[in-house]
Amino acid sequence: HAKELITLWSPRIARILDVEDYPHNIDLTI
C-alpha cells in the first residue's frame, strides 16, 4: 500500500512544489 502511495504521490508532490529534478528510484524499507 505504501509503495502504491509513493508511486502515485511523488509526481503530484513534484507538481505542488514546482520541482522537476527529484529521485525517480526510491527505496522503501520497513
PDB file of all heavy atoms in Angstrom:
ATOM      1  N   HIS A   1       0.837  -1.204   0.000  1.00  0.00           N
ATOM      2  CA  HIS A   1       0.000   0.000   0.000  1.00  0.00           C
ATOM      3  C   HIS A   1       0.871   1.254   0.000  1.00  0.00           C
ATOM      4  O   HIS A   1       0.617   2.205  -0.744  1.00  0.00           O
ATOM      5  CB  HIS A   1      -0.920  -0.006   1.227  1.00  0.00           C
ATOM      6  CG  HIS A   1      -1.943   1.079   1.224  1.00  0.00           C
ATOM      7  ND1 HIS A   1      -2.775   1.344   2.291  1.00  0.00           N
ATOM      8  CD2 HIS A   1      -2.252   2.021   0.288  1.00  0.00           C
ATOM      9  CE1 HIS A   1      -3.542   2.374   2.002  1.00  0.00           C
ATOM     10  NE2 HIS A   1      -3.255   2.800   0.801  1.00  0.00           N
ATOM     11  N   ALA A   2       1.916   1.240   0.815  1.00  0.00           N
ATOM     12  CA  ALA A   2       2.834   2.379   0.880  1.00  0.00           C
ATOM     13  C   ALA A   2       3.540   2.584  -0.462  1.00  0.00           C
ATOM     14  O   ALA A   2       3.733   3.720  -0.917  1.00  0.00           O
ATOM     15  CB  ALA A   2       3.861   2.159   1.993  1.00  0.00           C
ATOM     16  N   LYS A   3       3.922   1.496  -1.092  1.00  0.00           N
ATOM     17  CA  LYS A   3       4.585   1.566  -2.399  1.00  0.00           C
ATOM     18  C   LYS A   3       3.685   2.226  -3.429  1.00  0.00           C
ATOM     19  O   LYS A   3       4.124   3.084  -4.214  1.00  0.00           O
ATOM     20  CB  LYS A   3       4.975   0.161  -2.843  1.00  0.00           C
ATOM     21  CG  LYS A   3       5.646   0.091  -4.203  1.00  0.00           C
ATOM     22  CD  LYS A   3       6.043  -1.348  -4.549  1.00  0.00           C
ATOM     23  CE  LYS A   3       6.673  -1.438  -5.934  1.00  0.00           C
ATOM     24  NZ  LYS A   3       7.106  -2.833  -6.251  1.00  0.00           N
ATOM     25  N   GLU A   4       2.426   1.832  -3.449  1.00  0.00           N
ATOM     26  CA  GLU A   4       1.466   2.425  -4.371  1.00  0.00           C
ATOM     27  C   GLU A   4       1.297   3.917  -4.115  1.00  0.00           C
ATOM     28  O   GLU A   4       1.182   4.726  -5.044  1.00  0.00           O
ATOM     29  CB  GLU A   4       0.113   1.721  -4.251  1.00  0.00           C
ATOM     30  CG  GLU A   4       0.127   0.289  -4.763  1.00  0.00           C
ATOM     31  CD  GLU A   4      -1.184  -0.428  -4.500  1.00  0.00           C
ATOM     32  OE1 GLU A   4      -2.039   0.163  -3.787  1.00  0.00           O
ATOM     33  OE2 GLU A   4      -1.358  -1.550  -4.993  1.00  0.00           O
ATOM     34  N   LEU A   5       1.306   4.279  -2.829  1.00  0.00           N
ATOM     35  CA  LEU A   5       1.142   5.680  -2.452  1.00  0.00           C
ATOM     36  C   LEU A   5       2.334   6.514  -2.929  1.00  0.00           C
ATOM     37  O   LEU A   5       2.163   7.630  -3.428  1.00  0.00           O
ATOM     38  CB  LEU A   5       0.992   5.785  -0.933  1.00  0.00           C
ATOM     39  CG  LEU A   5       0.286   7.028  -0.370  1.00  0.00           C
ATOM     40  CD1 LEU A   5      -1.112   7.157  -0.960  1.00  0.00           C
ATOM     41  CD2 LEU A   5       0.224   6.943   1.141  1.00  0.00           C
ATOM     42  N   ILE A   6       3.525   5.977  -2.782  1.00  0.00           N
ATOM     43  CA  ILE A   6       4.734   6.673  -3.245  1.00  0.00           C
ATOM     44  C   ILE A   6       4.687   6.864  -4.758  1.00  0.00           C
ATOM     45  O   ILE A   6       4.986   7.944  -5.276  1.00  0.00           O
ATOM     46  CB  ILE A   6       5.998   5.894  -2.844  1.00  0.00           C
ATOM     47  CG1 ILE A   6       6.155   5.876  -1.324  1.00  0.00           C
ATOM     48  CG2 ILE A   6       7.241   6.507  -3.497  1.00  0.00           C
ATOM     49  CD1 ILE A   6       7.256   4.951  -0.829  1.00  0.00           C
ATOM     50  N   THR A   7       4.300   5.812  -5.467  1.00  0.00           N
ATOM     51  CA  THR A   7       4.223   5.877  -6.927  1.00  0.00           C
ATOM     52  C   THR A   7       3.235   6.946  -7.390  1.00  0.00           C
ATOM     53  O   THR A   7       3.498   7.682  -8.341  1.00  0.00           O
ATOM     54  CB  THR A   7       3.797   4.509  -7.496  1.00  0.00           C
ATOM     55  OG1 THR A   7       4.739   3.513  -7.075  1.00  0.00           O
ATOM     56  CG2 THR A   7       3.735   4.540  -9.008  1.00  0.00           C
ATOM     57  N   LEU A   8       2.111   7.037  -6.697  1.00  0.00           N
ATOM     58  CA  LEU A   8       1.068   7.988  -7.063  1.00  0.00           C
ATOM     59  C   LEU A   8       1.407   9.415  -6.659  1.00  0.00           C
ATOM     60  O   LEU A   8       1.197  10.362  -7.428  1.00  0.00           O
ATOM     61  CB  LEU A   8      -0.256   7.566  -6.417  1.00  0.00           C
ATOM     62  CG  LEU A   8      -1.484   8.437  -6.694  1.00  0.00           C
ATOM     63  CD1 LEU A   8      -1.835   8.388  -8.175  1.00  0.00           C
ATOM     64  CD2 LEU A   8      -2.659   7.969  -5.848  1.00  0.00           C
ATOM     65  N   TRP A   9       1.961   9.586  -5.448  1.00  0.00           N
ATOM     66  CA  TRP A   9       2.122  10.923  -4.899  1.00  0.00           C
ATOM     67  C   TRP A   9       3.457  11.594  -5.205  1.00  0.00           C
ATOM     68  O   TRP A   9       3.555  12.822  -5.097  1.00  0.00           O
ATOM     69  CB  TRP A   9       1.852  10.908  -3.386  1.00  0.00           C
ATOM     70  CG  TRP A   9       0.392  11.088  -3.127  1.00  0.00           C
ATOM     71  CD1 TRP A   9      -0.576  10.127  -3.139  1.00  0.00           C
ATOM     72  CD2 TRP A   9      -0.272  12.327  -2.875  1.00  0.00           C
ATOM     73  NE1 TRP A   9      -1.806  10.682  -2.911  1.00  0.00           N
ATOM     74  CE2 TRP A   9      -1.652  12.028  -2.738  1.00  0.00           C
ATOM     75  CE3 TRP A   9       0.146  13.637  -2.756  1.00  0.00           C
ATOM     76  CZ2 TRP A   9      -2.593  13.023  -2.485  1.00  0.00           C
ATOM     77  CZ3 TRP A   9      -0.798  14.639  -2.502  1.00  0.00           C
ATOM     78  CH2 TRP A   9      -2.152  14.325  -2.378  1.00  0.00           C
ATOM     79  N   SER A  10       4.481  10.862  -5.583  1.00  0.00           N
ATOM     80  CA  SER A  10       5.759  11.517  -5.905  1.00  0.00           C
ATOM     81  C   SER A  10       5.597  12.562  -7.013  1.00  0.00           C
ATOM     82  O   SER A  10       6.007  13.718  -6.840  1.00  0.00           O
ATOM     83  CB  SER A  10       6.808  10.476  -6.299  1.00  0.00           C
ATOM     84  OG  SER A  10       7.183   9.701  -5.190  1.00  0.00           O
ATOM     85  N   PRO A  11       5.015  12.217  -8.156  1.00  0.00           N
ATOM     86  CA  PRO A  11       4.839  13.246  -9.195  1.00  0.00           C
ATOM     87  C   PRO A  11       3.855  14.335  -8.791  1.00  0.00           C
ATOM     88  O   PRO A  11       4.013  15.495  -9.202  1.00  0.00           O
ATOM     89  CB  PRO A  11       4.338  12.451 -10.407  1.00  0.00           C
ATOM     90  CG  PRO A  11       3.783  11.176  -9.850  1.00  0.00           C
ATOM     91  CD  PRO A  11       4.588  10.881  -8.628  1.00  0.00           C
ATOM     92  N   ARG A  12       2.850  13.995  -7.989  1.00  0.00           N
ATOM     93  CA  ARG A  12       1.908  15.017  -7.520  1.00  0.00           C
ATOM     94  C   ARG A  12       2.627  16.042  -6.646  1.00  0.00           C
ATOM     95  O   ARG A  12       2.424  17.253  -6.789  1.00  0.00           O
ATOM     96  CB  ARG A  12       0.772  14.376  -6.717  1.00  0.00           C
ATOM     97  CG  ARG A  12      -0.220  13.601  -7.546  1.00  0.00           C
ATOM     98  CD  ARG A  12      -1.358  13.093  -6.688  1.00  0.00           C
ATOM     99  NE  ARG A  12      -2.328  12.339  -7.467  1.00  0.00           N
ATOM    100  CZ  ARG A  12      -3.419  11.770  -6.960  1.00  0.00           C
ATOM    101  NH1 ARG A  12      -3.658  11.853  -5.649  1.00  0.00           N
ATOM    102  NH2 ARG A  12      -4.252  11.105  -7.737  1.00  0.00           N
ATOM    103  N   ILE A  13       3.446  15.552  -5.731  1.00  0.00           N
ATOM    104  CA  ILE A  13       4.191  16.443  -4.845  1.00  0.00           C
ATOM    105  C   ILE A  13       5.158  17.300  -5.644  1.00  0.00           C
ATOM    106  O   ILE A  13       5.338  18.488  -5.355  1.00  0.00           O
ATOM    107  CB  ILE A  13       4.923  15.630  -3.764  1.00  0.00           C
ATOM    108  CG1 ILE A  13       3.898  15.005  -2.806  1.00  0.00           C
ATOM    109  CG2 ILE A  13       5.912  16.497  -2.980  1.00  0.00           C
ATOM    110  CD1 ILE A  13       4.471  13.935  -1.897  1.00  0.00           C
ATOM    111  N   ALA A  14       5.777  16.713  -6.657  1.00  0.00           N
ATOM    112  CA  ALA A  14       6.681  17.474  -7.513  1.00  0.00           C
ATOM    113  C   ALA A  14       5.951  18.632  -8.185  1.00  0.00           C
ATOM    114  O   ALA A  14       6.485  19.743  -8.302  1.00  0.00           O
ATOM    115  CB  ALA A  14       7.311  16.559  -8.560  1.00  0.00           C
ATOM    116  N   ARG A  15       4.724  18.407  -8.612  1.00  0.00           N
ATOM    117  CA  ARG A  15       3.932  19.475  -9.224  1.00  0.00           C
ATOM    118  C   ARG A  15       3.575  20.538  -8.193  1.00  0.00           C
ATOM    119  O   ARG A  15       3.634  21.740  -8.469  1.00  0.00           O
ATOM    120  CB  ARG A  15       2.655  18.902  -9.850  1.00  0.00           C
ATOM    121  CG  ARG A  15       2.874  18.060 -11.089  1.00  0.00           C
ATOM    122  CD  ARG A  15       1.557  17.687 -11.740  1.00  0.00           C
ATOM    123  NE  ARG A  15       1.743  16.821 -12.903  1.00  0.00           N
ATOM    124  CZ  ARG A  15       1.696  15.499 -12.861  1.00  0.00           C
ATOM    125  NH1 ARG A  15       1.461  14.880 -11.716  1.00  0.00           N
ATOM    126  NH2 ARG A  15       1.879  14.793 -13.952  1.00  0.00           N
ATOM    127  N   ILE A  16       3.162  20.099  -7.005  1.00  0.00           N
ATOM    128  CA  ILE A  16       2.777  21.028  -5.946  1.00  0.00           C
ATOM    129  C   ILE A  16       3.937  21.958  -5.592  1.00  0.00           C
ATOM    130  O   ILE A  16       3.747  23.161  -5.367  1.00  0.00           O
ATOM    131  CB  ILE A  16       2.319  20.251  -4.696  1.00  0.00           C
ATOM    132  CG1 ILE A  16       0.995  19.523  -4.977  1.00  0.00           C
ATOM    133  CG2 ILE A  16       2.161  21.182  -3.482  1.00  0.00           C
ATOM    134  CD1 ILE A  16       0.656  18.439  -3.962  1.00  0.00           C
ATOM    135  N   LEU A  17       5.143  21.391  -5.530  1.00  0.00           N
ATOM    136  CA  LEU A  17       6.318  22.168  -5.139  1.00  0.00           C
ATOM    137  C   LEU A  17       7.033  22.786  -6.342  1.00  0.00           C
ATOM    138  O   LEU A  17       8.020  23.497  -6.158  1.00  0.00           O
ATOM    139  CB  LEU A  17       7.289  21.272  -4.363  1.00  0.00           C
ATOM    140  CG  LEU A  17       6.765  20.706  -3.045  1.00  0.00           C
ATOM    141  CD1 LEU A  17       7.836  19.849  -2.381  1.00  0.00           C
ATOM    142  CD2 LEU A  17       6.313  21.820  -2.103  1.00  0.00           C
ATOM    143  N   ASP A  18       6.553  22.502  -7.545  1.00  0.00           N
ATOM    144  CA  ASP A  18       7.170  23.009  -8.765  1.00  0.00           C
ATOM    145  C   ASP A  18       8.614  22.525  -8.885  1.00  0.00           C
ATOM    146  O   ASP A  18       9.545  23.307  -9.123  1.00  0.00           O
ATOM    147  CB  ASP A  18       7.113  24.537  -8.801  1.00  0.00           C
ATOM    148  CG  ASP A  18       7.344  25.090 -10.209  1.00  0.00           C
ATOM    149  OD1 ASP A  18       7.159  24.325 -11.176  1.00  0.00           O
ATOM    150  OD2 ASP A  18       7.714  26.270 -10.327  1.00  0.00           O
ATOM    151  N   VAL A  19       8.796  21.213  -8.729  1.00  0.00           N
ATOM    152  CA  VAL A  19      10.114  20.588  -8.798  1.00  0.00           C
ATOM    153  C   VAL A  19      10.150  19.623  -9.979  1.00  0.00           C
ATOM    154  O   VAL A  19       9.249  18.790 -10.128  1.00  0.00           O
ATOM    155  CB  VAL A  19      10.429  19.821  -7.488  1.00  0.00           C
ATOM    156  CG1 VAL A  19      11.699  18.994  -7.644  1.00  0.00           C
ATOM    157  CG2 VAL A  19      10.556  20.785  -6.326  1.00  0.00           C
ATOM    158  N   GLU A  20      11.164  19.715 -10.806  1.00  0.00           N
ATOM    159  CA  GLU A  20      11.322  18.783 -11.923  1.00  0.00           C
ATOM    160  C   GLU A  20      12.377  17.720 -11.630  1.00  0.00           C
ATOM    161  O   GLU A  20      12.250  16.575 -12.048  1.00  0.00           O
ATOM    162  CB  GLU A  20      11.686  19.547 -13.204  1.00  0.00           C
ATOM    163  CG  GLU A  20      10.561  20.389 -13.763  1.00  0.00           C
ATOM    164  CD  GLU A  20      10.903  20.976 -15.120  1.00  0.00           C
ATOM    165  OE1 GLU A  20      12.074  20.855 -15.533  1.00  0.00           O
ATOM    166  OE2 GLU A  20       9.998  21.542 -15.762  1.00  0.00           O
ATOM    167  N   ASP A  21      13.430  18.097 -10.931  1.00  0.00           N
ATOM    168  CA  ASP A  21      14.547  17.185 -10.672  1.00  0.00           C
ATOM    169  C   ASP A  21      14.398  16.563  -9.278  1.00  0.00           C
ATOM    170  O   ASP A  21      14.698  17.197  -8.275  1.00  0.00           O
ATOM    171  CB  ASP A  21      15.869  17.941 -10.781  1.00  0.00           C
ATOM    172  CG  ASP A  21      17.072  17.010 -10.677  1.00  0.00           C
ATOM    173  OD1 ASP A  21      16.880  15.781 -10.805  1.00  0.00           O
ATOM    174  OD2 ASP A  21      18.192  17.503 -10.458  1.00  0.00           O
ATOM    175  N   TYR A  22      13.916  15.337  -9.249  1.00  0.00           N
ATOM    176  CA  TYR A  22      13.737  14.624  -7.986  1.00  0.00           C
ATOM    177  C   TYR A  22      13.971  13.131  -8.235  1.00  0.00           C
ATOM    178  O   TYR A  22      13.909  12.669  -9.374  1.00  0.00           O
ATOM    179  CB  TYR A  22      12.346  14.874  -7.402  1.00  0.00           C
ATOM    180  CG  TYR A  22      11.204  14.368  -8.254  1.00  0.00           C
ATOM    181  CD1 TYR A  22      10.601  13.137  -7.994  1.00  0.00           C
ATOM    182  CD2 TYR A  22      10.718  15.116  -9.317  1.00  0.00           C
ATOM    183  CE1 TYR A  22       9.564  12.664  -8.778  1.00  0.00           C
ATOM    184  CE2 TYR A  22       9.685  14.659 -10.108  1.00  0.00           C
ATOM    185  CZ  TYR A  22       9.110  13.433  -9.831  1.00  0.00           C
ATOM    186  OH  TYR A  22       8.071  12.970 -10.618  1.00  0.00           O
ATOM    187  N   PRO A  23      14.247  12.357  -7.191  1.00  0.00           N
ATOM    188  CA  PRO A  23      14.547  10.924  -7.377  1.00  0.00           C
ATOM    189  C   PRO A  23      13.378  10.165  -8.002  1.00  0.00           C
ATOM    190  O   PRO A  23      12.242  10.283  -7.560  1.00  0.00           O
ATOM    191  CB  PRO A  23      14.832  10.434  -5.957  1.00  0.00           C
ATOM    192  CG  PRO A  23      15.269  11.653  -5.218  1.00  0.00           C
ATOM    193  CD  PRO A  23      14.446  12.769  -5.781  1.00  0.00           C
ATOM    194  N   HIS A  24      13.691   9.362  -9.011  1.00  0.00           N
ATOM    195  CA  HIS A  24      12.672   8.517  -9.636  1.00  0.00           C
ATOM    196  C   HIS A  24      12.887   7.041  -9.307  1.00  0.00           C
ATOM    197  O   HIS A  24      12.177   6.177  -9.815  1.00  0.00           O
ATOM    198  CB  HIS A  24      12.673   8.725 -11.154  1.00  0.00           C
ATOM    199  CG  HIS A  24      12.079  10.033 -11.559  1.00  0.00           C
ATOM    200  ND1 HIS A  24      12.718  11.239 -11.380  1.00  0.00           N
ATOM    201  CD2 HIS A  24      10.878  10.332 -12.124  1.00  0.00           C
ATOM    202  CE1 HIS A  24      11.948  12.210 -11.821  1.00  0.00           C
ATOM    203  NE2 HIS A  24      10.825  11.698 -12.281  1.00  0.00           N
ATOM    204  N   ASN A  25      13.859   6.771  -8.465  1.00  0.00           N
ATOM    205  CA  ASN A  25      14.104   5.427  -7.961  1.00  0.00           C
ATOM    206  C   ASN A  25      14.184   5.524  -6.444  1.00  0.00           C
ATOM    207  O   ASN A  25      15.157   6.046  -5.900  1.00  0.00           O
ATOM    208  CB  ASN A  25      15.413   4.877  -8.543  1.00  0.00           C
ATOM    209  CG  ASN A  25      15.537   3.379  -8.350  1.00  0.00           C
ATOM    210  OD1 ASN A  25      15.227   2.865  -7.284  1.00  0.00           O
ATOM    211  ND2 ASN A  25      16.011   2.676  -9.364  1.00  0.00           N
ATOM    212  N   ILE A  26      13.148   5.062  -5.768  1.00  0.00           N
ATOM    213  CA  ILE A  26      13.013   5.266  -4.319  1.00  0.00           C
ATOM    214  C   ILE A  26      13.027   3.927  -3.587  1.00  0.00           C
ATOM    215  O   ILE A  26      12.314   2.997  -3.968  1.00  0.00           O
ATOM    216  CB  ILE A  26      11.710   6.030  -4.005  1.00  0.00           C
ATOM    217  CG1 ILE A  26      11.742   7.406  -4.687  1.00  0.00           C
ATOM    218  CG2 ILE A  26      11.519   6.182  -2.491  1.00  0.00           C
ATOM    219  CD1 ILE A  26      10.451   8.191  -4.553  1.00  0.00           C
ATOM    220  N   ASP A  27      13.856   3.848  -2.561  1.00  0.00           N
ATOM    221  CA  ASP A  27      13.927   2.647  -1.729  1.00  0.00           C
ATOM    222  C   ASP A  27      13.015   2.813  -0.518  1.00  0.00           C
ATOM    223  O   ASP A  27      13.117   3.806   0.211  1.00  0.00           O
ATOM    224  CB  ASP A  27      15.362   2.419  -1.246  1.00  0.00           C
ATOM    225  CG  ASP A  27      16.318   2.126  -2.391  1.00  0.00           C
ATOM    226  OD1 ASP A  27      15.877   1.530  -3.387  1.00  0.00           O
ATOM    227  OD2 ASP A  27      17.496   2.507  -2.294  1.00  0.00           O
ATOM    228  N   LEU A  28      12.147   1.844  -0.302  1.00  0.00           N
ATOM    229  CA  LEU A  28      11.263   1.829   0.865  1.00  0.00           C
ATOM    230  C   LEU A  28      11.573   0.590   1.698  1.00  0.00           C
ATOM    231  O   LEU A  28      11.393  -0.530   1.235  1.00  0.00           O
ATOM    232  CB  LEU A  28       9.798   1.813   0.426  1.00  0.00           C
ATOM    233  CG  LEU A  28       8.760   1.593   1.537  1.00  0.00           C
ATOM    234  CD1 LEU A  28       8.822   2.716   2.575  1.00  0.00           C
ATOM    235  CD2 LEU A  28       7.358   1.474   0.946  1.00  0.00           C
ATOM    236  N   THR A  29      12.037   0.808   2.926  1.00  0.00           N
ATOM    237  CA  THR A  29      12.384  -0.287   3.829  1.00  0.00           C
ATOM    238  C   THR A  29      11.551  -0.203   5.097  1.00  0.00           C
ATOM    239  O   THR A  29      11.484   0.856   5.730  1.00  0.00           O
ATOM    240  CB  THR A  29      13.878  -0.232   4.211  1.00  0.00           C
ATOM    241  OG1 THR A  29      14.670  -0.323   3.031  1.00  0.00           O
ATOM    242  CG2 THR A  29      14.232  -1.374   5.150  1.00  0.00           C
ATOM    243  N   ILE A  30      10.923  -1.312   5.429  1.00  0.00           N
ATOM    244  CA  ILE A  30      10.267  -1.405   6.738  1.00  0.00           C
ATOM    245  C   ILE A  30      11.186  -2.250   7.618  1.00  0.00           C
ATOM    246  O   ILE A  30      11.391  -3.436   7.355  1.00  0.00           O
ATOM    247  CB  ILE A  30       8.873  -2.053   6.637  1.00  0.00           C
ATOM    248  CG1 ILE A  30       8.012  -1.290   5.626  1.00  0.00           C
ATOM    249  CG2 ILE A  30       8.192  -2.068   8.006  1.00  0.00           C
ATOM    250  CD1 ILE A  30       6.638  -1.893   5.412  1.00  0.00           C
TER     251      ILE A  30
END
